C-alpha atoms as a PDB file:
ATOM      1  CA  UNK A   1       0.104  -0.038   0.354  1.00  0.00           C
ATOM      2  CA  UNK A   2       2.916   2.487   0.949  1.00  0.00           C
ATOM      3  CA  UNK A   3       4.354   1.793  -2.451  1.00  0.00           C
ATOM      4  CA  UNK A   4       1.161   2.375  -4.267  1.00  0.00           C
ATOM      5  CA  UNK A   5       0.978   5.871  -2.523  1.00  0.00           C
ATOM      6  CA  UNK A   6       4.777   6.504  -3.291  1.00  0.00           C
ATOM      7  CA  UNK A   7       4.270   5.600  -6.996  1.00  0.00           C
ATOM      8  CA  UNK A   8       1.075   7.906  -7.000  1.00  0.00           C
ATOM      9  CA  UNK A   9       2.878  11.028  -5.862  1.00  0.00           C
ATOM     10  CA  UNK A  10       6.028  10.464  -8.256  1.00  0.00           C
ATOM     11  CA  UNK A  11       3.443   9.919 -10.970  1.00  0.00           C
ATOM     12  CA  UNK A  12       1.477  13.314  -9.886  1.00  0.00           C
ATOM     13  CA  UNK A  13       4.819  15.266  -9.569  1.00  0.00           C
ATOM     14  CA  UNK A  14       5.655  13.930 -13.265  1.00  0.00           C
ATOM     15  CA  UNK A  15       2.379  15.006 -14.424  1.00  0.00           C
ATOM     16  CA  UNK A  16       2.410  18.513 -12.696  1.00  0.00           C
ATOM     17  CA  UNK A  17       6.159  18.939 -13.679  1.00  0.00           C
ATOM     18  CA  UNK A  18       5.299  18.189 -17.204  1.00  0.00           C
ATOM     19  CA  UNK A  19       2.183  20.508 -17.440  1.00  0.00           C
ATOM     20  CA  UNK A  20       4.487  23.646 -17.095  1.00  0.00           C
ATOM     21  CA  UNK A  21       7.244  21.961 -19.242  1.00  0.00           C
ATOM     22  CA  UNK A  22       5.145  20.712 -21.972  1.00  0.00           C
ATOM     23  CA  UNK A  23       4.658  23.961 -24.016  1.00  0.00           C
ATOM     24  CA  UNK A  24       1.970  24.995 -26.152  1.00  0.00           C
ATOM     25  CA  UNK A  25      -0.834  22.862 -27.140  1.00  0.00           C
ATOM     26  CA  UNK A  26      -1.179  20.939 -23.662  1.00  0.00           C
ATOM     27  CA  UNK A  27      -4.095  21.860 -21.209  1.00  0.00           C
ATOM     28  CA  UNK A  28      -4.557  21.145 -17.612  1.00  0.00           C
ATOM     29  CA  UNK A  29      -7.465  19.982 -15.387  1.00  0.00           C
ATOM     30  CA  UNK A  30      -7.642  20.090 -11.498  1.00  0.00           C
ATOM     31  CA  UNK A  31     -10.846  18.810  -9.691  1.00  0.00           C
ATOM     32  CA  UNK A  32     -11.437  18.495  -5.899  1.00  0.00           C
ATOM     33  CA  UNK A  33     -14.364  17.357  -3.703  1.00  0.00           C
ATOM     34  CA  UNK A  34     -16.429  16.852  -6.986  1.00  0.00           C
ATOM     35  CA  UNK A  35     -19.925  15.340  -7.002  1.00  0.00           C
ATOM     36  CA  UNK A  36     -21.392  14.688 -10.206  1.00  0.00           C
ATOM     37  CA  UNK A  37     -20.210  13.662 -13.564  1.00  0.00           C
ATOM     38  CA  UNK A  38     -16.730  14.449 -15.176  1.00  0.00           C
ATOM     39  CA  UNK A  39     -15.916  13.244 -19.027  1.00  0.00           C
ATOM     40  CA  UNK A  40     -12.592  13.463 -20.539  1.00  0.00           C
ATOM     41  CA  UNK A  41     -11.789  12.510 -23.933  1.00  0.00           C
ATOM     42  CA  UNK A  42      -8.131  13.337 -24.252  1.00  0.00           C
ATOM     43  CA  UNK A  43      -4.624  12.372 -25.278  1.00  0.00           C
ATOM     44  CA  UNK A  44      -2.438  12.651 -22.086  1.00  0.00           C
ATOM     45  CA  UNK A  45      -2.448  11.695 -18.547  1.00  0.00           C
ATOM     46  CA  UNK A  46      -5.104  11.373 -15.893  1.00  0.00           C
ATOM     47  CA  UNK A  47      -4.671  10.767 -12.082  1.00  0.00           C
ATOM     48  CA  UNK A  48      -7.739  10.509  -9.851  1.00  0.00           C
ATOM     49  CA  UNK A  49      -9.748   9.076  -6.803  1.00  0.00           C
ATOM     50  CA  UNK A  50     -13.240   8.554  -6.563  1.00  0.00           C
ATOM     51  CA  UNK A  51     -14.804   7.919  -3.040  1.00  0.00           C
ATOM     52  CA  UNK A  52     -17.990   5.864  -4.411  1.00  0.00           C
ATOM     53  CA  UNK A  53     -19.265   5.619  -8.002  1.00  0.00           C
ATOM     54  CA  UNK A  54     -18.418   4.534 -11.439  1.00  0.00           C
ATOM     55  CA  UNK A  55     -15.500   4.944 -13.879  1.00  0.00           C
ATOM     56  CA  UNK A  56     -16.109   4.091 -17.511  1.00  0.00           C
ATOM     57  CA  UNK A  57     -12.792   4.016 -19.461  1.00  0.00           C
ATOM     58  CA  UNK A  58     -12.491   3.477 -23.212  1.00  0.00           C
ATOM     59  CA  UNK A  59      -9.163   2.939 -24.752  1.00  0.00           C
ATOM     60  CA  UNK A  60      -8.919   5.295 -27.769  1.00  0.00           C
ATOM     61  CA  UNK A  61      -5.372   3.824 -28.598  1.00  0.00           C
ATOM     62  CA  UNK A  62      -5.494   0.343 -27.603  1.00  0.00           C
ATOM     63  CA  UNK A  63      -2.411  -0.795 -29.750  1.00  0.00           C
ATOM     64  CA  UNK A  64       0.050   1.661 -27.759  1.00  0.00           C
ATOM     65  CA  UNK A  65       2.042   0.526 -24.776  1.00  0.00           C
ATOM     66  CA  UNK A  66      -0.256   2.242 -22.262  1.00  0.00           C
ATOM     67  CA  UNK A  67      -3.006   0.832 -20.222  1.00  0.00           C
ATOM     68  CA  UNK A  68      -5.334   2.256 -17.527  1.00  0.00           C
ATOM     69  CA  UNK A  69      -4.729   1.072 -14.017  1.00  0.00           C
ATOM     70  CA  UNK A  70      -7.575   1.058 -11.456  1.00  0.00           C
ATOM     71  CA  UNK A  71      -7.908  -0.124  -7.857  1.00  0.00           C
ATOM     72  CA  UNK A  72     -10.230   0.184  -5.178  1.00  0.00           C
ATOM     73  CA  UNK A  73     -12.295  -1.345  -2.366  1.00  0.00           C
ATOM     74  CA  UNK A  74     -15.276  -3.491  -3.235  1.00  0.00           C
ATOM     75  CA  UNK A  75     -14.225  -2.975  -7.025  1.00  0.00           C
ATOM     76  CA  UNK A  76     -16.240  -4.617  -9.734  1.00  0.00           C
ATOM     77  CA  UNK A  77     -15.129  -4.516 -13.398  1.00  0.00           C
ATOM     78  CA  UNK A  78     -17.381  -5.189 -16.483  1.00  0.00           C
ATOM     79  CA  UNK A  79     -16.156  -5.239 -20.177  1.00  0.00           C
ATOM     80  CA  UNK A  80     -18.639  -3.594 -22.030  1.00  0.00           C
ATOM     81  CA  UNK A  81     -16.985  -3.312 -25.211  1.00  0.00           C
ATOM     82  CA  UNK A  82     -13.617  -4.482 -26.840  1.00  0.00           C
ATOM     83  CA  UNK A  83     -11.998  -1.205 -25.515  1.00  0.00           C
ATOM     84  CA  UNK A  84     -14.308  -0.364 -22.710  1.00  0.00           C
ATOM     85  CA  UNK A  85     -14.441  -1.272 -19.100  1.00  0.00           C
ATOM     86  CA  UNK A  86     -16.763   0.131 -16.426  1.00  0.00           C
ATOM     87  CA  UNK A  87     -15.456  -0.029 -12.703  1.00  0.00           C
ATOM     88  CA  UNK A  88     -17.762   0.233  -9.800  1.00  0.00           C
ATOM     89  CA  UNK A  89     -16.926   0.414  -6.271  1.00  0.00           C
ATOM     90  CA  UNK A  90     -15.609   2.481  -3.331  1.00  0.00           C
ATOM     91  CA  UNK A  91     -12.171   4.325  -2.912  1.00  0.00           C
ATOM     92  CA  UNK A  92     -11.347   4.071  -6.542  1.00  0.00           C
ATOM     93  CA  UNK A  93      -7.765   5.079  -7.665  1.00  0.00           C
ATOM     94  CA  UNK A  94      -7.047   5.502 -11.063  1.00  0.00           C
ATOM     95  CA  UNK A  95      -4.015   6.505 -13.408  1.00  0.00           C
ATOM     96  CA  UNK A  96      -4.031   6.642 -17.286  1.00  0.00           C
ATOM     97  CA  UNK A  97      -0.456   7.748 -18.065  1.00  0.00           C
ATOM     98  CA  UNK A  98      -0.038   8.537 -22.037  1.00  0.00           C
ATOM     99  CA  UNK A  99      -2.031   7.191 -24.621  1.00  0.00           C
ATOM    100  CA  UNK A 100      -5.554   8.319 -25.593  1.00  0.00           C
ATOM    101  CA  UNK A 101      -8.692   7.849 -23.645  1.00  0.00           C
ATOM    102  CA  UNK A 102     -12.659   8.442 -23.092  1.00  0.00           C
ATOM    103  CA  UNK A 103     -13.371   8.546 -19.171  1.00  0.00           C
ATOM    104  CA  UNK A 104     -16.712   8.993 -17.623  1.00  0.00           C
ATOM    105  CA  UNK A 105     -16.281   9.615 -13.690  1.00  0.00           C
ATOM    106  CA  UNK A 106     -19.547   9.639 -11.812  1.00  0.00           C
ATOM    107  CA  UNK A 107     -20.314   9.790  -8.062  1.00  0.00           C
ATOM    108  CA  UNK A 108     -18.860  11.587  -5.069  1.00  0.00           C
ATOM    109  CA  UNK A 109     -15.544  12.583  -3.909  1.00  0.00           C
ATOM    110  CA  UNK A 110     -13.829  12.885  -7.353  1.00  0.00           C
ATOM    111  CA  UNK A 111     -10.371  14.498  -7.372  1.00  0.00           C
ATOM    112  CA  UNK A 112      -8.479  14.239 -10.494  1.00  0.00           C
ATOM    113  CA  UNK A 113      -5.514  15.931 -12.258  1.00  0.00           C
ATOM    114  CA  UNK A 114      -5.221  15.706 -16.265  1.00  0.00           C
ATOM    115  CA  UNK A 115      -2.617  16.853 -18.540  1.00  0.00           C
ATOM    116  CA  UNK A 116      -3.000  16.689 -22.173  1.00  0.00           C
ATOM    117  CA  UNK A 117      -5.111  17.693 -25.172  1.00  0.00           C
ATOM    118  CA  UNK A 118      -8.742  17.021 -25.713  1.00  0.00           C
ATOM    119  CA  UNK A 119     -12.124  17.948 -24.254  1.00  0.00           C
ATOM    120  CA  UNK A 120     -13.682  17.661 -20.778  1.00  0.00           C
ATOM    121  CA  UNK A 121     -17.421  18.033 -19.536  1.00  0.00           C
ATOM    122  CA  UNK A 122     -18.116  19.146 -16.168  1.00  0.00           C
ATOM    123  CA  UNK A 123     -21.524  18.661 -14.302  1.00  0.00           C
ATOM    124  CA  UNK A 124     -21.715  19.164 -10.594  1.00  0.00           C
ATOM    125  CA  UNK A 125     -24.723  17.443  -8.934  1.00  0.00           C
ATOM    126  CA  UNK A 126     -26.355  19.346  -5.982  1.00  0.00           C
ATOM    127  CA  UNK A 127     -29.422  17.864  -4.279  1.00  0.00           C
ATOM    128  CA  UNK A 128     -30.382  21.058  -2.401  1.00  0.00           C
ATOM    129  CA  UNK A 129     -29.502  24.991  -3.388  1.00  0.00           C
ATOM    130  CA  UNK A 130     -25.999  25.905  -2.159  1.00  0.00           C
ATOM    131  CA  UNK A 131     -24.669  22.355  -1.546  1.00  0.00           C
ATOM    132  CA  UNK A 132     -20.996  21.961  -2.328  1.00  0.00           C
ATOM    133  CA  UNK A 133     -20.406  19.965  -5.606  1.00  0.00           C
ATOM    134  CA  UNK A 134     -16.535  20.570  -5.625  1.00  0.00           C
ATOM    135  CA  UNK A 135     -14.313  22.809  -7.490  1.00  0.00           C
ATOM    136  CA  UNK A 136     -12.055  22.881 -10.882  1.00  0.00           C
ATOM    137  CA  UNK A 137      -9.431  24.848 -12.307  1.00  0.00           C
ATOM    138  CA  UNK A 138      -8.129  24.938 -15.928  1.00  0.00           C
ATOM    139  CA  UNK A 139      -5.221  27.107 -15.163  1.00  0.00           C
ATOM    140  CA  UNK A 140      -1.682  25.685 -15.178  1.00  0.00           C
ATOM    141  CA  UNK A 141       0.122  25.631 -11.909  1.00  0.00           C
ATOM    142  CA  UNK A 142      -3.296  25.592  -9.881  1.00  0.00           C
ATOM    143  CA  UNK A 143      -4.036  22.216  -7.746  1.00  0.00           C
ATOM    144  CA  UNK A 144      -7.404  22.726  -6.322  1.00  0.00           C
ATOM    145  CA  UNK A 145      -6.434  20.115  -3.745  1.00  0.00           C
ATOM    146  CA  UNK A 146      -3.730  22.611  -2.373  1.00  0.00           C
ATOM    147  CA  UNK A 147      -5.303  25.884  -3.296  1.00  0.00           C
ATOM    148  CA  UNK A 148      -9.043  25.511  -3.465  1.00  0.00           C
ATOM    149  CA  UNK A 149      -9.647  29.158  -3.081  1.00  0.00           C
ATOM    150  CA  UNK A 150      -8.215  29.519  -6.623  1.00  0.00           C
ATOM    151  CA  UNK A 151     -10.763  27.088  -8.054  1.00  0.00           C
ATOM    152  CA  UNK A 152     -14.321  27.509  -9.419  1.00  0.00           C
ATOM    153  CA  UNK A 153     -17.335  25.583  -8.273  1.00  0.00           C
ATOM    154  CA  UNK A 154     -18.332  23.047 -10.596  1.00  0.00           C
ATOM    155  CA  UNK A 155     -21.209  24.016 -12.832  1.00  0.00           C
ATOM    156  CA  UNK A 156     -24.856  22.940 -11.944  1.00  0.00           C
ATOM    157  CA  UNK A 157     -25.467  22.244 -15.946  1.00  0.00           C
ATOM    158  CA  UNK A 158     -22.869  20.474 -18.019  1.00  0.00           C
ATOM    159  CA  UNK A 159     -20.190  22.687 -19.436  1.00  0.00           C
ATOM    160  CA  UNK A 160     -17.776  21.723 -22.002  1.00  0.00           C
ATOM    161  CA  UNK A 161     -13.975  22.861 -22.180  1.00  0.00           C
ATOM    162  CA  UNK A 162     -11.208  22.406 -24.736  1.00  0.00           C
ATOM    163  CA  UNK A 163      -7.787  21.100 -23.037  1.00  0.00           C
ATOM    164  CA  UNK A 164      -5.040  22.901 -24.805  1.00  0.00           C
ATOM    165  CA  UNK A 165      -2.128  25.379 -24.274  1.00  0.00           C
ATOM    166  CA  UNK A 166      -2.448  28.893 -23.323  1.00  0.00           C
ATOM    167  CA  UNK A 167      -2.959  31.243 -26.167  1.00  0.00           C
ATOM    168  CA  UNK A 168       0.526  32.411 -27.732  1.00  0.00           C
ATOM    169  CA  UNK A 169       0.676  36.119 -27.680  1.00  0.00           C
ATOM    170  CA  UNK A 170       1.974  38.344 -30.360  1.00  0.00           C
ATOM    171  CA  UNK A 171       5.677  38.575 -30.105  1.00  0.00           C
ATOM    172  CA  UNK A 172       6.152  35.266 -28.266  1.00  0.00           C
ATOM    173  CA  UNK A 173       6.362  33.189 -31.221  1.00  0.00           C
ATOM    174  CA  UNK A 174       2.877  33.774 -33.009  1.00  0.00           C
ATOM    175  CA  UNK A 175       2.718  34.429 -36.809  1.00  0.00           C
ATOM    176  CA  UNK A 176       0.237  36.887 -38.315  1.00  0.00           C
END
């Protein structure tokens, strides 16, 4: 268990370190305390936790050397297609480093970090008005688990965002 924690910390540091060093064309996402649904379709890396719920993973690049890694308590998995697996359980931890994936996370206690190119859809679920559904950030260098005040509340209605790098400013390598 301690080695899994150490590996997760090292992988998270690698993802966080690569976000700033990856250059143009790469975006980041941080989610903490999420409740609802988060869909990612990206080529890159994702690390996350889910307290209770389901995780649907489709490997869009099945012939590459990368594979999804999922663990947890009371974990069940069901293959629902040649490239898709649905995981259900408690205390799920997941890692997709490299490759292309479509990932749907539904449940409570969603915490994740993603680096790559693609799209993300965020949909917070509040049972009563004012209930906390978690926070997110698309800003490079902002970790919602460390600095939640720099993050934004998950939207009540689904919102879609493109994960890519910051716009290149004129004079900083752009061509007009």
